[in-house]
Amino acid sequence: MIARTPDSSKSKQAWRNGLIAAAALMVVSLLAATGCQVAQPNQSAGAAGLSEPQTIREGDVIKIAFPGAQNLDSTQQVRRDGRVTLPMAGEMKVSGKTPSEVEKDLLQTYGNQLVTKEVSVTVVSSSYAVFVSGAVIRPGKITPDHTITALEAIMEAGGFDMTRANMDAVTVIRMEEGKTKNYVLNLKAVIDGKSHDPFYLKPSDIVHVPEKFSWF
């Protein structure tokens, strides 16, 4: 019988560790060379759904209220050219702006006509199209009259198909700056009652509910 030296097992372990480290370094080098990035699906989902303020769009119905001059109040739909008609002031472009930005424009437009320098702009209704696909009861196009979350859109589509839906990895597909971006949401956590920031949808967003992975 050949006696094993006390350090032989440690030497083999060190050799294995060195081999693993070399392999890991090779993988990192390949990723850097090819420009690949490891996806972090939940990293920006909250920011994309919450950080941007609501903007007014064509077809929206807005309410303009002047607390000190109620004769100027109006509720109207934004025309296809993005404009509304204001009493005693003519037309103003409002699409693409936030309500607060329109409020500032109105204060500048009416200027000295206002005794009380105050105006409020509210989006009464906002109709736009989003799409829901995958493991839901009624996939297809949804046209809500107000801003809704990804979970609300799924409920509008009849809810999850509980036999197939993977609620852990719902994907919102969005076109931003000419590029397609995916945001992965764990809506099972929301269903389970865990604290979760709502993810608000934008026009033409696609909400896809993937199916559960199964070996059979």
N, C-alpha and C. Protein backbone atom coordinates (compact mmCIF):
# COMPACT_ATOMS: atom_id res chain seq x y z
N MET A 1 0.86 -1.17 0.00
CA MET A 1 0.00 0.00 0.00
C MET A 1 0.90 1.23 0.00
N ILE A 2 0.50 2.20 -0.86
CA ILE A 2 1.29 3.42 -0.97
C ILE A 2 0.65 4.46 -0.07
N ALA A 3 1.42 5.01 0.83
CA ALA A 3 0.89 6.03 1.75
C ALA A 3 0.74 7.35 1.03
N ARG A 4 -0.43 8.03 1.24
CA ARG A 4 -0.68 9.34 0.64
C ARG A 4 -0.10 10.42 1.54
N THR A 5 0.63 11.30 0.94
CA THR A 5 1.22 12.38 1.73
C THR A 5 0.12 13.30 2.23
N PRO A 6 0.27 13.92 3.38
CA PRO A 6 -0.77 14.74 3.98
C PRO A 6 -1.23 15.89 3.09
N ASP A 7 -0.35 16.41 2.21
CA ASP A 7 -0.71 17.59 1.44
C ASP A 7 -1.24 17.27 0.05
N SER A 8 -1.36 15.97 -0.29
CA SER A 8 -1.76 15.61 -1.66
C SER A 8 -3.18 16.06 -1.96
N SER A 9 -4.11 15.88 -1.01
CA SER A 9 -5.51 16.28 -1.26
C SER A 9 -5.61 17.80 -1.38
N LYS A 10 -4.81 18.54 -0.57
CA LYS A 10 -4.83 19.99 -0.66
C LYS A 10 -4.30 20.46 -2.00
N SER A 11 -3.30 19.75 -2.51
CA SER A 11 -2.73 20.12 -3.80
C SER A 11 -3.74 19.94 -4.92
N LYS A 12 -4.49 18.83 -4.84
CA LYS A 12 -5.51 18.58 -5.88
C LYS A 12 -6.61 19.63 -5.81
N GLN A 13 -7.01 20.00 -4.59
CA GLN A 13 -8.06 21.01 -4.44
C GLN A 13 -7.59 22.36 -4.98
N ALA A 14 -6.35 22.69 -4.71
CA ALA A 14 -5.80 23.95 -5.21
C ALA A 14 -5.75 23.95 -6.73
N TRP A 15 -5.43 22.76 -7.29
CA TRP A 15 -5.39 22.64 -8.76
C TRP A 15 -6.78 22.84 -9.35
N ARG A 16 -7.78 22.25 -8.68
CA ARG A 16 -9.16 22.41 -9.17
C ARG A 16 -9.61 23.87 -9.08
N ASN A 17 -9.31 24.52 -7.96
CA ASN A 17 -9.68 25.92 -7.80
C ASN A 17 -9.04 26.80 -8.86
N GLY A 18 -7.77 26.50 -9.19
CA GLY A 18 -7.10 27.27 -10.22
C GLY A 18 -7.74 27.07 -11.57
N LEU A 19 -8.17 25.82 -11.84
CA LEU A 19 -8.82 25.53 -13.12
C LEU A 19 -10.15 26.26 -13.24
N ILE A 20 -10.93 26.29 -12.13
CA ILE A 20 -12.22 26.97 -12.14
C ILE A 20 -12.04 28.47 -12.35
N ALA A 21 -11.03 29.03 -11.67
CA ALA A 21 -10.76 30.46 -11.80
C ALA A 21 -10.36 30.82 -13.23
N ALA A 22 -9.56 29.94 -13.85
CA ALA A 22 -9.14 30.19 -15.23
C ALA A 22 -10.34 30.14 -16.18
N ALA A 23 -11.23 29.18 -15.94
CA ALA A 23 -12.42 29.06 -16.79
C ALA A 23 -13.31 30.28 -16.64
N ALA A 24 -13.49 30.75 -15.41
CA ALA A 24 -14.33 31.93 -15.17
C ALA A 24 -13.74 33.16 -15.86
N LEU A 25 -12.40 33.29 -15.78
CA LEU A 25 -11.74 34.41 -16.43
C LEU A 25 -11.93 34.37 -17.93
N MET A 26 -11.90 33.15 -18.49
CA MET A 26 -12.08 32.99 -19.93
C MET A 26 -13.48 33.43 -20.35
N VAL A 27 -14.49 33.06 -19.56
CA VAL A 27 -15.87 33.44 -19.87
C VAL A 27 -16.04 34.95 -19.84
N VAL A 28 -15.49 35.59 -18.78
CA VAL A 28 -15.58 37.04 -18.67
C VAL A 28 -14.91 37.71 -19.86
N SER A 29 -13.76 37.18 -20.27
CA SER A 29 -13.04 37.75 -21.40
C SER A 29 -13.83 37.65 -22.69
N LEU A 30 -14.49 36.48 -22.87
CA LEU A 30 -15.31 36.30 -24.07
C LEU A 30 -16.48 37.25 -24.09
N LEU A 31 -17.13 37.45 -22.93
CA LEU A 31 -18.25 38.38 -22.87
C LEU A 31 -17.81 39.79 -23.19
N ALA A 32 -16.67 40.18 -22.66
CA ALA A 32 -16.16 41.53 -22.92
C ALA A 32 -15.81 41.71 -24.39
N ALA A 33 -15.25 40.67 -24.99
CA ALA A 33 -14.84 40.76 -26.40
C ALA A 33 -16.02 40.85 -27.33
N THR A 34 -17.12 40.17 -27.00
CA THR A 34 -18.29 40.15 -27.89
C THR A 34 -19.29 41.22 -27.56
N GLY A 35 -19.06 41.97 -26.49
CA GLY A 35 -19.97 43.05 -26.12
C GLY A 35 -21.24 42.56 -25.48
N CYS A 36 -21.33 41.34 -25.02
CA CYS A 36 -22.54 40.80 -24.40
C CYS A 36 -22.69 41.36 -23.00
N GLN A 37 -23.95 41.49 -22.59
CA GLN A 37 -24.24 41.96 -21.25
C GLN A 37 -25.18 40.98 -20.59
N VAL A 38 -24.97 40.77 -19.31
CA VAL A 38 -25.85 39.89 -18.57
C VAL A 38 -27.11 40.67 -18.23
N ALA A 39 -28.27 40.13 -18.57
CA ALA A 39 -29.52 40.83 -18.36
C ALA A 39 -29.87 40.88 -16.88
N GLN A 40 -30.36 42.03 -16.45
CA GLN A 40 -30.87 42.19 -15.10
C GLN A 40 -32.30 42.70 -15.24
N PRO A 41 -33.26 41.77 -15.46
CA PRO A 41 -34.59 42.13 -15.89
C PRO A 41 -35.35 43.06 -14.98
N ASN A 42 -35.15 42.98 -13.69
CA ASN A 42 -35.94 43.80 -12.78
C ASN A 42 -35.27 45.12 -12.41
N GLN A 43 -34.09 45.34 -12.94
CA GLN A 43 -33.29 46.48 -12.48
C GLN A 43 -33.98 47.81 -12.74
N SER A 44 -34.52 48.01 -13.95
CA SER A 44 -35.07 49.30 -14.30
C SER A 44 -36.58 49.29 -14.45
N ALA A 45 -37.24 48.20 -14.10
CA ALA A 45 -38.68 48.11 -14.29
C ALA A 45 -39.42 49.15 -13.46
N GLY A 46 -39.02 49.31 -12.20
CA GLY A 46 -39.69 50.28 -11.36
C GLY A 46 -39.52 51.70 -11.87
N ALA A 47 -38.30 52.04 -12.28
CA ALA A 47 -38.05 53.38 -12.77
C ALA A 47 -38.83 53.66 -14.04
N ALA A 48 -38.90 52.66 -14.94
CA ALA A 48 -39.61 52.87 -16.20
C ALA A 48 -41.09 53.05 -15.97
N GLY A 49 -41.62 52.38 -14.95
CA GLY A 49 -43.05 52.46 -14.71
C GLY A 49 -43.47 53.63 -13.84
N LEU A 50 -42.52 54.26 -13.11
CA LEU A 50 -42.91 55.26 -12.13
C LEU A 50 -42.27 56.62 -12.33
N SER A 51 -41.06 56.66 -12.90
CA SER A 51 -40.29 57.89 -12.85
C SER A 51 -40.83 58.97 -13.78
N GLU A 52 -41.42 58.60 -14.90
CA GLU A 52 -41.84 59.59 -15.87
C GLU A 52 -43.25 60.10 -15.57
N PRO A 53 -43.44 61.43 -15.52
CA PRO A 53 -44.77 61.97 -15.25
C PRO A 53 -45.70 61.75 -16.44
N GLN A 54 -46.98 61.81 -16.18
CA GLN A 54 -47.97 61.62 -17.23
C GLN A 54 -47.91 62.77 -18.22
N THR A 55 -47.93 62.45 -19.50
CA THR A 55 -47.97 63.47 -20.53
C THR A 55 -49.31 63.42 -21.25
N ILE A 56 -49.73 64.57 -21.74
CA ILE A 56 -51.01 64.68 -22.43
C ILE A 56 -50.83 64.23 -23.87
N ARG A 57 -51.81 63.46 -24.36
CA ARG A 57 -51.75 62.93 -25.72
C ARG A 57 -52.98 63.34 -26.51
N GLU A 58 -52.87 63.21 -27.84
CA GLU A 58 -54.02 63.46 -28.69
C GLU A 58 -55.16 62.51 -28.31
N GLY A 59 -56.37 63.04 -28.22
CA GLY A 59 -57.51 62.23 -27.82
C GLY A 59 -57.83 62.28 -26.35
N ASP A 60 -56.90 62.77 -25.53
CA ASP A 60 -57.15 62.91 -24.09
C ASP A 60 -58.20 64.00 -23.85
N VAL A 61 -58.98 63.82 -22.82
CA VAL A 61 -59.91 64.86 -22.37
C VAL A 61 -59.29 65.53 -21.15
N ILE A 62 -59.11 66.84 -21.22
CA ILE A 62 -58.50 67.56 -20.11
C ILE A 62 -59.47 68.62 -19.56
N LYS A 63 -59.34 68.87 -18.27
CA LYS A 63 -60.13 69.90 -17.61
C LYS A 63 -59.20 71.02 -17.19
N ILE A 64 -59.53 72.23 -17.64
CA ILE A 64 -58.75 73.42 -17.29
C ILE A 64 -59.59 74.26 -16.36
N ALA A 65 -59.08 74.54 -15.16
CA ALA A 65 -59.84 75.28 -14.17
C ALA A 65 -59.04 76.46 -13.64
N PHE A 66 -59.70 77.64 -13.61
CA PHE A 66 -59.11 78.86 -13.07
C PHE A 66 -59.91 79.23 -11.82
N PRO A 67 -59.38 78.96 -10.62
CA PRO A 67 -60.12 79.25 -9.39
C PRO A 67 -60.56 80.71 -9.27
N GLY A 68 -59.78 81.64 -9.81
CA GLY A 68 -60.13 83.06 -9.71
C GLY A 68 -60.85 83.61 -10.90
N ALA A 69 -61.08 82.78 -11.92
CA ALA A 69 -61.78 83.25 -13.14
C ALA A 69 -62.50 82.06 -13.78
N GLN A 70 -63.59 81.67 -13.15
CA GLN A 70 -64.28 80.46 -13.57
C GLN A 70 -64.89 80.57 -14.97
N ASN A 71 -65.04 81.78 -15.48
CA ASN A 71 -65.54 81.95 -16.85
C ASN A 71 -64.56 81.41 -17.89
N LEU A 72 -63.32 81.16 -17.47
CA LEU A 72 -62.31 80.62 -18.39
C LEU A 72 -62.22 79.09 -18.32
N ASP A 73 -62.96 78.51 -17.37
CA ASP A 73 -62.90 77.05 -17.21
C ASP A 73 -63.40 76.35 -18.47
N SER A 74 -62.80 75.19 -18.77
CA SER A 74 -63.27 74.39 -19.90
C SER A 74 -62.84 72.94 -19.74
N THR A 75 -63.62 72.06 -20.34
CA THR A 75 -63.27 70.65 -20.43
C THR A 75 -63.38 70.26 -21.89
N GLN A 76 -62.30 69.79 -22.47
CA GLN A 76 -62.32 69.50 -23.90
C GLN A 76 -61.33 68.41 -24.26
N GLN A 77 -61.55 67.86 -25.44
CA GLN A 77 -60.68 66.79 -25.93
C GLN A 77 -59.56 67.37 -26.77
N VAL A 78 -58.38 66.87 -26.56
CA VAL A 78 -57.22 67.32 -27.34
C VAL A 78 -57.38 66.83 -28.78
N ARG A 79 -57.30 67.74 -29.72
CA ARG A 79 -57.50 67.39 -31.12
C ARG A 79 -56.33 66.59 -31.68
N ARG A 80 -56.50 66.08 -32.87
CA ARG A 80 -55.46 65.26 -33.49
C ARG A 80 -54.19 66.04 -33.78
N ASP A 81 -54.32 67.38 -33.86
CA ASP A 81 -53.12 68.20 -34.05
C ASP A 81 -52.46 68.55 -32.73
N GLY A 82 -53.01 67.98 -31.62
CA GLY A 82 -52.40 68.20 -30.31
C GLY A 82 -52.78 69.50 -29.65
N ARG A 83 -53.81 70.19 -30.17
CA ARG A 83 -54.17 71.50 -29.66
C ARG A 83 -55.55 71.52 -29.02
N VAL A 84 -55.77 72.55 -28.20
CA VAL A 84 -57.09 72.85 -27.65
C VAL A 84 -57.36 74.33 -27.90
N THR A 85 -58.64 74.70 -27.82
CA THR A 85 -59.02 76.09 -28.01
C THR A 85 -59.34 76.72 -26.68
N LEU A 86 -58.69 77.83 -26.38
CA LEU A 86 -58.85 78.49 -25.08
C LEU A 86 -59.72 79.73 -25.20
N PRO A 87 -60.60 79.97 -24.23
CA PRO A 87 -61.42 81.18 -24.25
C PRO A 87 -60.56 82.44 -24.25
N MET A 88 -60.83 83.32 -25.20
CA MET A 88 -60.15 84.63 -25.30
C MET A 88 -58.65 84.53 -25.53
N ALA A 89 -58.17 83.34 -25.87
CA ALA A 89 -56.72 83.21 -26.08
C ALA A 89 -56.37 82.42 -27.33
N GLY A 90 -57.34 81.81 -27.96
CA GLY A 90 -57.07 81.07 -29.18
C GLY A 90 -56.59 79.65 -28.91
N GLU A 91 -55.74 79.14 -29.80
CA GLU A 91 -55.31 77.76 -29.71
C GLU A 91 -53.97 77.63 -28.98
N MET A 92 -53.82 76.46 -28.34
CA MET A 92 -52.56 76.15 -27.65
C MET A 92 -52.25 74.68 -27.83
N LYS A 93 -50.99 74.39 -28.14
CA LYS A 93 -50.56 73.00 -28.26
C LYS A 93 -50.28 72.45 -26.86
N VAL A 94 -50.90 71.31 -26.54
CA VAL A 94 -50.73 70.72 -25.21
C VAL A 94 -50.19 69.29 -25.26
N SER A 95 -50.28 68.64 -26.41
CA SER A 95 -49.81 67.25 -26.48
C SER A 95 -48.31 67.17 -26.28
N GLY A 96 -47.89 66.12 -25.60
CA GLY A 96 -46.47 65.93 -25.32
C GLY A 96 -46.00 66.66 -24.08
N LYS A 97 -46.89 67.41 -23.45
CA LYS A 97 -46.54 68.15 -22.24
C LYS A 97 -47.22 67.53 -21.02
N THR A 98 -46.66 67.76 -19.86
CA THR A 98 -47.29 67.32 -18.63
C THR A 98 -48.33 68.36 -18.23
N PRO A 99 -49.31 67.98 -17.39
CA PRO A 99 -50.28 68.97 -16.92
C PRO A 99 -49.64 70.18 -16.26
N SER A 100 -48.57 69.98 -15.50
CA SER A 100 -47.91 71.11 -14.84
C SER A 100 -47.27 72.05 -15.86
N GLU A 101 -46.74 71.50 -16.96
CA GLU A 101 -46.16 72.34 -18.00
C GLU A 101 -47.24 73.17 -18.70
N VAL A 102 -48.40 72.56 -18.92
CA VAL A 102 -49.50 73.30 -19.53
C VAL A 102 -49.99 74.40 -18.59
N GLU A 103 -50.00 74.12 -17.30
CA GLU A 103 -50.40 75.13 -16.32
C GLU A 103 -49.49 76.36 -16.41
N LYS A 104 -48.19 76.14 -16.53
CA LYS A 104 -47.25 77.26 -16.66
C LYS A 104 -47.51 78.05 -17.94
N ASP A 105 -47.77 77.32 -19.04
CA ASP A 105 -48.06 77.99 -20.31
C ASP A 105 -49.32 78.85 -20.21
N LEU A 106 -50.34 78.32 -19.52
CA LEU A 106 -51.59 79.06 -19.38
C LEU A 106 -51.40 80.33 -18.55
N LEU A 107 -50.61 80.25 -17.51
CA LEU A 107 -50.34 81.42 -16.69
C LEU A 107 -49.62 82.51 -17.49
N GLN A 108 -48.72 82.08 -18.39
CA GLN A 108 -48.03 83.04 -19.24
C GLN A 108 -48.97 83.62 -20.30
N THR A 109 -49.86 82.76 -20.82
CA THR A 109 -50.77 83.19 -21.88
C THR A 109 -51.77 84.23 -21.37
N TYR A 110 -52.37 83.97 -20.22
CA TYR A 110 -53.39 84.88 -19.71
C TYR A 110 -52.81 86.05 -18.92
N GLY A 111 -51.61 85.85 -18.39
CA GLY A 111 -50.87 86.95 -17.77
C GLY A 111 -51.68 87.81 -16.85
N ASN A 112 -51.81 89.10 -17.21
CA ASN A 112 -52.44 90.09 -16.34
C ASN A 112 -53.95 89.96 -16.26
N GLN A 113 -54.54 89.06 -17.05
CA GLN A 113 -55.99 88.89 -17.00
C GLN A 113 -56.44 88.20 -15.72
N LEU A 114 -55.51 87.54 -15.04
CA LEU A 114 -55.84 86.77 -13.85
C LEU A 114 -55.55 87.55 -12.58
N VAL A 115 -56.55 87.67 -11.75
CA VAL A 115 -56.35 88.29 -10.45
C VAL A 115 -55.64 87.29 -9.54
N THR A 116 -56.11 86.03 -9.60
CA THR A 116 -55.49 84.96 -8.83
C THR A 116 -54.60 84.15 -9.77
N LYS A 117 -53.31 84.20 -9.52
CA LYS A 117 -52.38 83.51 -10.41
C LYS A 117 -52.37 82.02 -10.11
N GLU A 118 -53.45 81.38 -10.50
CA GLU A 118 -53.58 79.95 -10.22
C GLU A 118 -54.42 79.31 -11.31
N VAL A 119 -53.97 78.13 -11.75
CA VAL A 119 -54.70 77.35 -12.75
C VAL A 119 -54.36 75.87 -12.54
N SER A 120 -55.32 75.02 -12.81
CA SER A 120 -55.06 73.58 -12.69
C SER A 120 -55.49 72.88 -13.96
N VAL A 121 -54.69 71.92 -14.37
CA VAL A 121 -54.99 71.11 -15.56
C VAL A 121 -55.04 69.65 -15.13
N THR A 122 -56.13 69.00 -15.44
CA THR A 122 -56.33 67.61 -15.05
C THR A 122 -56.71 66.77 -16.25
N VAL A 123 -56.10 65.59 -16.38
CA VAL A 123 -56.48 64.66 -17.45
C VAL A 123 -57.70 63.88 -16.95
N VAL A 124 -58.86 64.15 -17.56
CA VAL A 124 -60.10 63.50 -17.15
C VAL A 124 -60.15 62.07 -17.65
N SER A 125 -59.79 61.87 -18.90
CA SER A 125 -59.74 60.52 -19.46
C SER A 125 -58.65 60.47 -20.52
N SER A 126 -58.07 59.29 -20.69
CA SER A 126 -56.97 59.13 -21.64
C SER A 126 -57.11 57.77 -22.31
N SER A 127 -57.54 57.77 -23.54
CA SER A 127 -57.75 56.51 -24.25
C SER A 127 -56.55 56.17 -25.12
N TYR A 128 -56.01 54.98 -24.94
CA TYR A 128 -54.89 54.53 -25.75
C TYR A 128 -54.91 53.01 -25.80
N ALA A 129 -54.10 52.45 -26.68
CA ALA A 129 -54.12 51.00 -26.88
C ALA A 129 -52.88 50.34 -26.29
N VAL A 130 -53.10 49.22 -25.59
CA VAL A 130 -52.02 48.33 -25.17
C VAL A 130 -52.43 46.92 -25.56
N PHE A 131 -51.48 46.01 -25.54
CA PHE A 131 -51.74 44.65 -26.00
C PHE A 131 -51.30 43.64 -24.93
N VAL A 132 -52.11 42.61 -24.76
CA VAL A 132 -51.80 41.57 -23.79
C VAL A 132 -51.75 40.24 -24.53
N SER A 133 -50.66 39.49 -24.35
CA SER A 133 -50.49 38.21 -25.04
C SER A 133 -50.02 37.14 -24.07
N GLY A 134 -50.04 35.90 -24.54
CA GLY A 134 -49.53 34.80 -23.73
C GLY A 134 -50.61 34.12 -22.93
N ALA A 135 -50.26 33.69 -21.72
CA ALA A 135 -51.13 32.83 -20.91
C ALA A 135 -52.14 33.65 -20.11
N VAL A 136 -53.06 34.30 -20.84
CA VAL A 136 -54.19 35.00 -20.24
C VAL A 136 -55.47 34.46 -20.87
N ILE A 137 -56.60 34.79 -20.27
CA ILE A 137 -57.86 34.23 -20.74
C ILE A 137 -58.27 34.81 -22.10
N ARG A 138 -58.16 36.13 -22.26
CA ARG A 138 -58.57 36.77 -23.53
C ARG A 138 -57.44 37.66 -24.05
N PRO A 139 -56.42 37.09 -24.67
CA PRO A 139 -55.34 37.93 -25.20
C PRO A 139 -55.85 38.84 -26.31
N GLY A 140 -55.21 40.00 -26.45
CA GLY A 140 -55.60 40.91 -27.51
C GLY A 140 -55.37 42.36 -27.15
N LYS A 141 -56.05 43.24 -27.87
CA LYS A 141 -55.90 44.69 -27.72
C LYS A 141 -56.84 45.21 -26.64
N ILE A 142 -56.33 46.14 -25.82
CA ILE A 142 -57.13 46.78 -24.78
C ILE A 142 -57.04 48.29 -24.97
N THR A 143 -58.16 48.99 -24.84
CA THR A 143 -58.17 50.45 -25.00
C THR A 143 -58.76 51.10 -23.74
N PRO A 144 -57.96 51.21 -22.69
CA PRO A 144 -58.45 51.82 -21.45
C PRO A 144 -58.66 53.32 -21.63
N ASP A 145 -59.50 53.91 -20.78
CA ASP A 145 -59.75 55.34 -20.85
C ASP A 145 -58.93 56.11 -19.82
N HIS A 146 -57.96 55.44 -19.20
CA HIS A 146 -57.08 56.08 -18.24
C HIS A 146 -55.80 55.25 -18.14
N THR A 147 -54.80 55.82 -17.55
CA THR A 147 -53.53 55.10 -17.39
C THR A 147 -53.71 53.91 -16.46
N ILE A 148 -53.25 52.74 -16.90
CA ILE A 148 -53.41 51.53 -16.09
C ILE A 148 -52.06 50.84 -15.91
N THR A 149 -52.02 49.93 -14.94
CA THR A 149 -50.81 49.17 -14.67
C THR A 149 -50.80 47.89 -15.49
N ALA A 150 -49.65 47.22 -15.50
CA ALA A 150 -49.54 45.94 -16.22
C ALA A 150 -50.50 44.91 -15.65
N LEU A 151 -50.64 44.88 -14.32
CA LEU A 151 -51.55 43.92 -13.69
C LEU A 151 -53.00 44.23 -14.06
N GLU A 152 -53.37 45.50 -14.09
CA GLU A 152 -54.73 45.88 -14.47
C GLU A 152 -55.03 45.49 -15.91
N ALA A 153 -54.03 45.62 -16.80
CA ALA A 153 -54.23 45.23 -18.20
C ALA A 153 -54.49 43.73 -18.30
N ILE A 154 -53.76 42.96 -17.50
CA ILE A 154 -53.97 41.50 -17.51
C ILE A 154 -55.37 41.16 -17.00
N MET A 155 -55.83 41.88 -15.99
CA MET A 155 -57.18 41.65 -15.48
C MET A 155 -58.22 42.00 -16.54
N GLU A 156 -57.97 43.07 -17.32
CA GLU A 156 -58.87 43.43 -18.41
C GLU A 156 -58.91 42.34 -19.48
N ALA A 157 -57.82 41.59 -19.58
CA ALA A 157 -57.75 40.49 -20.55
C ALA A 157 -58.29 39.19 -19.96
N GLY A 158 -59.03 39.27 -18.88
CA GLY A 158 -59.64 38.10 -18.29
C GLY A 158 -58.84 37.48 -17.16
N GLY A 159 -57.66 38.00 -16.91
CA GLY A 159 -56.82 37.47 -15.85
C GLY A 159 -55.86 36.40 -16.35
N PHE A 160 -55.04 35.92 -15.45
CA PHE A 160 -54.06 34.89 -15.77
C PHE A 160 -54.77 33.56 -16.06
N ASP A 161 -54.22 32.81 -17.00
CA ASP A 161 -54.61 31.40 -17.16
C ASP A 161 -53.79 30.63 -16.12
N MET A 162 -54.41 30.35 -15.00
CA MET A 162 -53.67 29.83 -13.85
C MET A 162 -53.03 28.47 -14.11
N THR A 163 -53.49 27.73 -15.11
CA THR A 163 -52.90 26.43 -15.40
C THR A 163 -51.60 26.57 -16.20
N ARG A 164 -51.40 27.73 -16.82
CA ARG A 164 -50.23 27.89 -17.69
C ARG A 164 -49.34 29.07 -17.33
N ALA A 165 -49.88 30.09 -16.69
CA ALA A 165 -49.17 31.36 -16.55
C ALA A 165 -48.00 31.29 -15.58
N ASN A 166 -46.89 31.87 -16.03
CA ASN A 166 -45.73 32.08 -15.15
C ASN A 166 -45.78 33.53 -14.71
N MET A 167 -46.36 33.79 -13.55
CA MET A 167 -46.56 35.15 -13.07
C MET A 167 -45.28 35.78 -12.55
N ASP A 168 -44.22 34.99 -12.39
CA ASP A 168 -42.94 35.51 -11.89
C ASP A 168 -42.18 36.31 -12.93
N ALA A 169 -42.51 36.13 -14.20
CA ALA A 169 -41.67 36.72 -15.25
C ALA A 169 -42.52 37.33 -16.36
N VAL A 170 -43.49 38.16 -15.98
CA VAL A 170 -44.30 38.87 -16.97
C VAL A 170 -43.44 39.95 -17.61
N THR A 171 -43.48 40.03 -18.93
CA THR A 171 -42.63 40.97 -19.65
C THR A 171 -43.44 42.08 -20.29
N VAL A 172 -43.02 43.32 -20.07
CA VAL A 172 -43.59 44.48 -20.77
C VAL A 172 -42.61 44.87 -21.87
N ILE A 173 -43.09 44.81 -23.09
CA ILE A 173 -42.26 45.14 -24.26
C ILE A 173 -42.61 46.56 -24.69
N ARG A 174 -41.61 47.42 -24.73
CA ARG A 174 -41.86 48.85 -24.99
C ARG A 174 -40.86 49.39 -26.00
N MET A 175 -41.35 50.25 -26.89
CA MET A 175 -40.46 50.93 -27.83
C MET A 175 -40.07 52.28 -27.25
N GLU A 176 -38.77 52.47 -27.06
CA GLU A 176 -38.25 53.71 -26.51
C GLU A 176 -37.06 54.18 -27.33
N GLU A 177 -37.14 55.40 -27.82
CA GLU A 177 -36.05 56.00 -28.59
C GLU A 177 -35.63 55.12 -29.75
N GLY A 178 -36.61 54.53 -30.41
CA GLY A 178 -36.34 53.71 -31.58
C GLY A 178 -35.82 52.32 -31.29
N LYS A 179 -35.78 51.93 -30.00
CA LYS A 179 -35.28 50.61 -29.63
C LYS A 179 -36.33 49.90 -28.78
N THR A 180 -36.34 48.58 -28.91
CA THR A 180 -37.25 47.77 -28.11
C THR A 180 -36.60 47.42 -26.78
N LYS A 181 -37.31 47.69 -25.69
CA LYS A 181 -36.80 47.37 -24.36
C LYS A 181 -37.80 46.46 -23.64
N ASN A 182 -37.27 45.52 -22.89
CA ASN A 182 -38.10 44.58 -22.13
C ASN A 182 -37.95 44.85 -20.63
N TYR A 183 -39.07 44.84 -19.94
CA TYR A 183 -39.08 45.00 -18.50
C TYR A 183 -39.79 43.79 -17.90
N VAL A 184 -39.09 43.06 -17.04
CA VAL A 184 -39.63 41.83 -16.46
C VAL A 184 -40.19 42.13 -15.07
N LEU A 185 -41.44 41.72 -14.85
CA LEU A 185 -42.15 42.01 -13.60
C LEU A 185 -42.52 40.72 -12.89
N ASN A 186 -42.35 40.71 -11.60
CA ASN A 186 -42.79 39.58 -10.77
C ASN A 186 -44.17 39.93 -10.21
N LEU A 187 -45.21 39.59 -10.97
CA LEU A 187 -46.57 39.92 -10.54
C LEU A 187 -47.13 38.90 -9.56
N LYS A 188 -46.45 37.77 -9.41
CA LYS A 188 -46.89 36.81 -8.40
C LYS A 188 -46.73 37.41 -7.01
N ALA A 189 -45.67 38.20 -6.85
CA ALA A 189 -45.45 38.86 -5.56
C ALA A 189 -46.59 39.82 -5.25
N VAL A 190 -47.10 40.49 -6.29
CA VAL A 190 -48.22 41.40 -6.09
C VAL A 190 -49.48 40.62 -5.71
N ILE A 191 -49.72 39.52 -6.43
CA ILE A 191 -50.88 38.67 -6.14
C ILE A 191 -50.81 38.12 -4.72
N ASP A 192 -49.59 37.83 -4.27
CA ASP A 192 -49.40 37.26 -2.93
C ASP A 192 -49.48 38.32 -1.84
N GLY A 193 -49.67 39.58 -2.23
CA GLY A 193 -49.83 40.64 -1.24
C GLY A 193 -48.55 41.28 -0.78
N LYS A 194 -47.44 41.01 -1.45
CA LYS A 194 -46.17 41.61 -1.06
C LYS A 194 -46.08 43.03 -1.62
N SER A 195 -45.35 43.88 -0.92
CA SER A 195 -45.20 45.26 -1.34
C SER A 195 -44.49 45.33 -2.69
N HIS A 196 -45.07 46.08 -3.61
CA HIS A 196 -44.50 46.14 -4.96
C HIS A 196 -44.95 47.43 -5.62
N ASP A 197 -44.03 48.15 -6.25
CA ASP A 197 -44.39 49.38 -6.96
C ASP A 197 -45.19 49.04 -8.22
N PRO A 198 -46.27 49.76 -8.49
CA PRO A 198 -47.05 49.49 -9.70
C PRO A 198 -46.26 49.89 -10.95
N PHE A 199 -46.45 49.14 -12.02
CA PHE A 199 -45.77 49.45 -13.27
C PHE A 199 -46.83 49.98 -14.24
N TYR A 200 -46.79 51.28 -14.52
CA TYR A 200 -47.78 51.90 -15.39
C TYR A 200 -47.40 51.74 -16.86
N LEU A 201 -48.40 51.49 -17.68
CA LEU A 201 -48.16 51.23 -19.10
C LEU A 201 -48.22 52.52 -19.92
N LYS A 202 -47.58 52.46 -21.06
CA LYS A 202 -47.61 53.54 -22.03
C LYS A 202 -48.29 53.05 -23.31
N PRO A 203 -48.74 53.97 -24.17
CA PRO A 203 -49.39 53.55 -25.41
C PRO A 203 -48.53 52.58 -26.21
N SER A 204 -49.20 51.54 -26.74
CA SER A 204 -48.59 50.51 -27.59
C SER A 204 -47.71 49.53 -26.83
N ASP A 205 -47.66 49.59 -25.51
CA ASP A 205 -46.94 48.57 -24.74
C ASP A 205 -47.55 47.19 -24.98
N ILE A 206 -46.71 46.17 -24.96
CA ILE A 206 -47.17 44.79 -25.06
C ILE A 206 -46.85 44.10 -23.74
N VAL A 207 -47.88 43.54 -23.11
CA VAL A 207 -47.70 42.80 -21.87
C VAL A 207 -47.78 41.31 -22.20
N HIS A 208 -46.68 40.60 -22.02
CA HIS A 208 -46.65 39.17 -22.37
C HIS A 208 -46.51 38.33 -21.10
N VAL A 209 -47.44 37.39 -20.95
CA VAL A 209 -47.40 36.47 -19.82
C VAL A 209 -46.88 35.12 -20.33
N PRO A 210 -45.66 34.74 -19.96
CA PRO A 210 -45.10 33.48 -20.46
C PRO A 210 -45.75 32.28 -19.79
N GLU A 211 -45.57 31.12 -20.41
CA GLU A 211 -46.08 29.89 -19.82
C GLU A 211 -45.05 29.29 -18.86
N LYS A 212 -45.55 28.54 -17.92
CA LYS A 212 -44.67 27.85 -16.98
C LYS A 212 -43.81 26.84 -17.73
N PHE A 213 -42.55 26.71 -17.32
CA PHE A 213 -41.68 25.71 -17.92
C PHE A 213 -42.04 24.33 -17.34
N SER A 214 -42.11 23.36 -18.21
CA SER A 214 -42.44 22.01 -17.76
C SER A 214 -41.59 21.01 -18.54
N TRP A 215 -41.16 19.96 -17.83
CA TRP A 215 -40.38 18.89 -18.47
C TRP A 215 -41.29 17.92 -19.20
N PHE A 216 -42.59 18.00 -18.95
CA PHE A 216 -43.51 17.01 -19.52
C PHE A 216 -44.51 17.69 -20.43
